Every structure is written in C-alpha cells, then in structure tokens.
Amino acid sequence: MPCTFVQHMATYYDIHTHNTAARTGTLSIVALYEQFSSAYGYPACSIGLHPWYLQDHEAGMRELEQYASSPNVLAIGECGMDKVCDTDLQLQARVFEQQVALAQRIGKPLVIHCVRAYDEVLAILSRERVTVPVIFHGFNKKKSIADILVSKGYYLSFGSALLKEGTPAIEVLREIPAEKFFLETDSSGLSIADIYAKATEIRKTTEDAIILQLTENFKTVFNR
C-alpha cells in the first residue's frame, strides 16, 4: 500500500537528496530516477526521468505516470536538460516536456536539473505555460541567471557548493529573496544541518530564522 505523507515536526527540510537514510528532525525528499514503485517506501520523495538516463524513456514515462499521484510523491523530478551528458538533446527536450505536462496535470511542483541549457529549459516552461512551482536544484550559476529565474517566480535550491570558497552560489544565496530558496544535500553525503549552518553564515542571520523561513517556503510550494 502507498505510504501516506504526514508532515512531522521537522527542523530541517532537505528538498533534494539521494541519501535514503532517515535522519531525525529532517524531512528529506528522496529523489528517484528509476524503479518508481519503490516510492511507496519513503515518507516523501520526488520521481522523474533524469536526462542522463533516458535509454528506456517510454516505459519510464508509463511508470512515472502510474506512481506520480501517490500522496508521498511531492514533486516531479529531477527532470530537465543537460548539454554535458551524451543523451540526444531533442530527446531530452521531448521527455522534459512530457514531465512538465504531467506535473501540470496533477498539480505537483517540478524539480529541475539544468546544465548549460537554461535557454532551452526556460523556453519549454514558457511554452507549456507552467503554473506549478518550479525549483532549480543544485544552483551554482552566476547572479544574472538567478535574477532571471527568480523574476519568473521560480525557486532556487542550494547545496554543497555553498561550502566551497568563491562559488557563485554564495553570492546568489546572500542576495536572493528569503521566500525564494531551499537547501539540499543532493548526493554530497553532507548533513543538511551543515548546509543550514553555512546558509546562516552567508545570509548573516540566525539559524532559527533560516529554519522558520524554509518551513514557510516548504508549506507554500508543497501545500503542506
């Protein structure tokens, strides 16, 4: 039977992770790119066809549609486009469009993977007239790109790049509106508490303020 999503009293929200281990005080959205039937085993997850892994995309889309409406599936993704990988770009665009349409149809947020393909991804989101929340995960690009994304109402999620001196993510997080960002661990193996601590330092605020803000952001985006 599907797991029913129940929001516990989380201190931290890890908006995108590949770490499947439960962590006390943390609500983790586990990102799955295959075997979507296993979504039933997680309190909260996102499911989507990653642009790196589209070898059997037709079967993958059928399975994605089968499980996407499960209450513990909080978002569609990570999905998107990546110009660095070997997957044909036209195929990436087509599969991304299908997932955007699915998210729109069932009313769930999109978690976006985007590498050197912002023009293409933004064009698809515009063409599909996306109204669900959109989160660009693992953001580490220059502020001019961040400004464009935020101006369109999209959210940015920051992870391990914040702990590396001089990365663009640091400047962007310092200046982004408080209601437009999330934090994540992705596949880094870091603790989300460490990411929160670094975000506190970068934004020159208190950890309580970050915790309260990201709790509100989570409720806004995921209607929880």
Protein backbone atom coordinates (compact mmCIF):
# COMPACT_ATOMS: atom_id res chain seq x y z
CA MET A 1 0.00 0.00 0.00
CA PRO A 2 1.18 3.56 -0.66
CA CYS A 3 2.76 5.45 2.22
CA THR A 4 0.56 8.40 3.19
CA PHE A 5 2.60 11.57 3.52
CA VAL A 6 2.45 13.03 7.01
CA GLN A 7 4.42 16.19 7.79
CA HIS A 8 6.19 15.65 11.09
CA MET A 9 7.71 18.39 13.23
CA ALA A 10 10.78 18.78 11.07
CA THR A 11 13.57 21.14 11.97
CA TYR A 12 15.32 20.80 8.62
CA TYR A 13 13.97 20.38 5.09
CA ASP A 14 16.29 18.62 2.65
CA ILE A 15 14.49 19.45 -0.55
CA HIS A 16 16.51 17.11 -2.80
CA THR A 17 18.63 14.17 -1.73
CA HIS A 18 19.80 10.78 -2.94
CA ASN A 19 20.52 9.68 0.63
CA THR A 20 17.79 7.23 1.59
CA ALA A 21 18.68 7.01 5.28
CA ALA A 22 16.16 8.61 7.62
CA ARG A 23 17.52 11.49 9.70
CA THR A 24 15.94 12.61 12.95
CA GLY A 25 14.37 16.06 12.75
CA THR A 26 14.72 16.20 8.96
CA LEU A 27 12.11 15.91 6.25
CA SER A 28 14.03 14.62 3.24
CA ILE A 29 12.60 14.49 -0.26
CA VAL A 30 14.36 11.47 -1.74
CA ALA A 31 14.90 11.85 -5.50
CA LEU A 32 14.27 8.71 -7.57
CA TYR A 33 15.07 8.44 -11.29
CA GLU A 34 14.08 4.78 -11.77
CA GLN A 35 12.11 1.97 -10.09
CA PHE A 36 9.33 4.37 -9.20
CA SER A 37 7.34 1.64 -7.47
CA SER A 38 9.86 1.98 -4.62
CA ALA A 39 8.42 5.45 -3.95
CA TYR A 40 5.93 3.75 -1.67
CA GLY A 41 8.75 3.04 0.76
CA TYR A 42 9.58 6.68 1.54
CA PRO A 43 7.68 9.22 3.65
CA ALA A 44 8.47 11.85 1.00
CA CYS A 45 10.07 11.63 -2.43
CA SER A 46 10.20 13.09 -5.91
CA ILE A 47 10.18 10.96 -9.04
CA GLY A 48 11.28 11.87 -12.54
CA LEU A 49 13.22 10.85 -15.62
CA HIS A 50 16.71 12.30 -15.30
CA PRO A 51 18.20 13.49 -18.63
CA TRP A 52 21.21 11.22 -18.10
CA TYR A 53 19.07 8.08 -18.02
CA LEU A 54 16.61 8.08 -20.92
CA GLN A 55 17.55 4.76 -22.51
CA ASP A 56 14.07 3.30 -21.88
CA HIS A 57 12.14 6.54 -21.62
CA GLU A 58 8.82 5.30 -22.98
CA ALA A 59 8.49 2.61 -20.31
CA GLY A 60 9.85 5.09 -17.78
CA MET A 61 7.13 7.62 -18.59
CA ARG A 62 4.43 4.98 -18.24
CA GLU A 63 5.76 4.02 -14.82
CA LEU A 64 6.16 7.67 -13.82
CA GLU A 65 2.53 8.40 -14.67
CA GLN A 66 1.45 5.32 -12.71
CA TYR A 67 3.03 6.47 -9.44
CA ALA A 68 3.12 10.28 -9.75
CA SER A 69 -0.18 10.84 -7.94
CA SER A 70 0.86 8.93 -4.82
CA PRO A 71 0.47 11.27 -1.80
CA ASN A 72 4.08 10.81 -0.69
CA VAL A 73 5.36 11.81 -4.14
CA LEU A 74 5.73 15.53 -3.52
CA ALA A 75 7.21 16.60 -6.85
CA ILE A 76 8.09 15.55 -10.40
CA GLY A 77 11.83 15.47 -10.92
CA GLU A 78 14.56 15.78 -11.08
CA CYS A 79 13.91 16.34 -14.74
CA GLY A 80 15.24 18.80 -17.25
CA MET A 81 18.09 19.15 -19.74
CA ASP A 82 21.87 18.72 -19.65
CA LYS A 83 24.18 19.70 -22.51
CA VAL A 84 27.18 17.99 -20.93
CA CYS A 85 25.78 14.44 -21.00
CA ASP A 86 25.61 12.15 -24.05
CA THR A 87 21.80 11.96 -24.29
CA ASP A 88 20.39 13.40 -27.52
CA LEU A 89 19.23 16.96 -26.81
CA GLN A 90 16.00 16.64 -28.80
CA LEU A 91 15.10 13.53 -26.81
CA GLN A 92 15.86 15.36 -23.57
CA ALA A 93 13.56 18.20 -24.60
CA ARG A 94 10.73 15.85 -25.57
CA VAL A 95 10.87 13.85 -22.33
CA PHE A 96 11.14 17.03 -20.28
CA GLU A 97 8.06 18.43 -22.00
CA GLN A 98 6.14 15.26 -21.14
CA GLN A 99 7.09 15.57 -17.48
CA VAL A 100 6.18 19.25 -17.38
CA ALA A 101 2.77 18.36 -18.80
CA LEU A 102 2.36 15.62 -16.18
CA ALA A 103 3.24 17.98 -13.33
CA GLN A 104 0.74 20.50 -14.65
CA ARG A 105 -1.95 17.85 -14.97
CA ILE A 106 -1.61 16.56 -11.41
CA GLY A 107 -0.68 19.88 -9.82
CA LYS A 108 2.72 18.97 -8.36
CA PRO A 109 5.93 21.04 -8.31
CA LEU A 110 8.82 20.46 -10.71
CA VAL A 111 12.40 19.87 -9.55
CA ILE A 112 14.68 20.89 -12.41
CA HIS A 113 18.11 19.57 -13.38
CA CYS A 114 19.68 22.11 -15.74
CA VAL A 115 23.25 22.13 -17.05
CA ARG A 116 24.14 24.72 -19.71
CA ALA A 117 20.58 24.55 -21.04
CA TYR A 118 18.79 27.43 -19.35
CA ASP A 119 17.54 28.93 -22.63
CA GLU A 120 16.01 25.61 -23.68
CA VAL A 121 14.51 24.82 -20.28
CA LEU A 122 13.03 28.30 -19.89
CA ALA A 123 11.58 28.15 -23.40
CA ILE A 124 9.78 24.89 -22.59
CA LEU A 125 8.47 26.18 -19.27
CA SER A 126 7.18 29.29 -21.04
CA ARG A 127 5.66 27.38 -23.95
CA GLU A 128 3.89 24.99 -21.58
CA ARG A 129 2.61 27.96 -19.52
CA VAL A 130 3.72 26.33 -16.30
CA THR A 131 1.75 27.35 -13.22
CA VAL A 132 3.03 24.78 -10.71
CA PRO A 133 6.04 25.76 -8.55
CA VAL A 134 9.42 25.24 -10.22
CA ILE A 135 12.62 24.57 -8.25
CA PHE A 136 16.05 24.64 -9.92
CA HIS A 137 18.06 22.30 -7.76
CA GLY A 138 21.80 22.41 -7.03
CA PHE A 139 22.05 26.01 -8.19
CA ASN A 140 25.59 27.31 -8.66
CA LYS A 141 25.41 29.78 -11.54
CA LYS A 142 26.05 33.50 -11.76
CA LYS A 143 23.68 36.04 -10.30
CA SER A 144 22.40 37.22 -13.68
CA ILE A 145 20.90 33.76 -14.31
CA ALA A 146 19.50 33.64 -10.79
CA ASP A 147 17.84 37.01 -11.31
CA ILE A 148 16.09 35.78 -14.46
CA LEU A 149 14.81 32.64 -12.73
CA VAL A 150 13.58 34.47 -9.64
CA SER A 151 11.91 37.16 -11.78
CA LYS A 152 9.82 34.40 -13.34
CA GLY A 153 8.71 33.23 -9.90
CA TYR A 154 10.94 30.16 -9.78
CA TYR A 155 12.80 28.86 -6.73
CA LEU A 156 16.49 28.01 -6.32
CA SER A 157 17.86 25.22 -4.14
CA PHE A 158 21.45 25.35 -2.87
CA GLY A 159 23.67 22.52 -1.68
CA SER A 160 27.30 21.56 -1.26
CA ALA A 161 28.55 24.43 -3.46
CA LEU A 162 27.91 26.75 -0.51
CA LEU A 163 30.79 25.11 1.35
CA LYS A 164 33.31 25.79 -1.44
CA GLU A 165 35.07 29.14 -1.29
CA GLY A 166 34.28 31.55 -4.11
CA THR A 167 31.46 29.67 -5.81
CA PRO A 168 28.69 31.72 -7.48
CA ALA A 169 26.09 30.10 -5.23
CA ILE A 170 27.38 32.04 -2.23
CA GLU A 171 26.71 35.46 -3.75
CA VAL A 172 23.33 34.37 -5.07
CA LEU A 173 22.20 32.96 -1.72
CA ARG A 174 23.37 36.12 0.03
CA GLU A 175 21.03 38.27 -2.09
CA ILE A 176 18.11 36.05 -3.09
CA PRO A 177 14.72 36.93 -1.57
CA ALA A 178 14.16 34.79 1.54
CA GLU A 179 10.94 33.32 0.17
CA LYS A 180 12.62 32.01 -2.98
CA PHE A 181 15.21 29.47 -1.83
CA PHE A 182 15.63 25.97 -0.44
CA LEU A 183 18.58 23.88 0.78
CA GLU A 184 19.58 20.34 -0.18
CA THR A 185 22.25 17.67 0.15
CA ASP A 186 21.80 16.01 -3.28
CA SER A 187 24.41 13.21 -3.49
CA SER A 188 27.07 15.00 -1.43
CA GLY A 189 26.88 12.89 1.72
CA LEU A 190 26.81 16.08 3.79
CA SER A 191 24.41 16.68 6.64
CA ILE A 192 21.59 19.10 5.87
CA ALA A 193 22.37 20.69 9.25
CA ASP A 194 25.79 21.66 7.86
CA ILE A 195 24.15 23.27 4.82
CA TYR A 196 21.77 25.21 7.09
CA ALA A 197 24.71 26.38 9.22
CA LYS A 198 26.56 27.66 6.17
CA ALA A 199 23.43 29.38 4.85
CA THR A 200 23.06 31.09 8.23
CA GLU A 201 26.61 32.40 7.94
CA ILE A 202 26.21 33.56 4.34
CA ARG A 203 22.94 35.41 4.96
CA LYS A 204 24.22 36.88 8.24
CA THR A 205 21.17 35.79 10.19
CA THR A 206 20.27 33.18 12.81
CA GLU A 207 19.67 29.50 12.23
CA ASP A 208 16.20 29.89 13.75
CA ALA A 209 15.40 32.47 11.09
CA ILE A 210 16.54 30.12 8.32
CA ILE A 211 14.57 27.24 9.83
CA LEU A 212 11.39 29.30 10.07
CA GLN A 213 11.76 30.70 6.55
CA LEU A 214 12.38 27.35 4.88
CA THR A 215 9.48 25.81 6.79
CA GLU A 216 7.24 28.52 5.33
CA ASN A 217 8.73 28.06 1.87
CA PHE A 218 8.07 24.34 2.08
CA LYS A 219 4.45 24.89 3.06
CA THR A 220 3.97 27.37 0.23
CA VAL A 221 5.43 25.19 -2.51
CA PHE A 222 4.13 21.81 -1.39
CA ASN A 223 0.81 22.92 0.14
CA ARG A 224 1.65 21.11 3.41
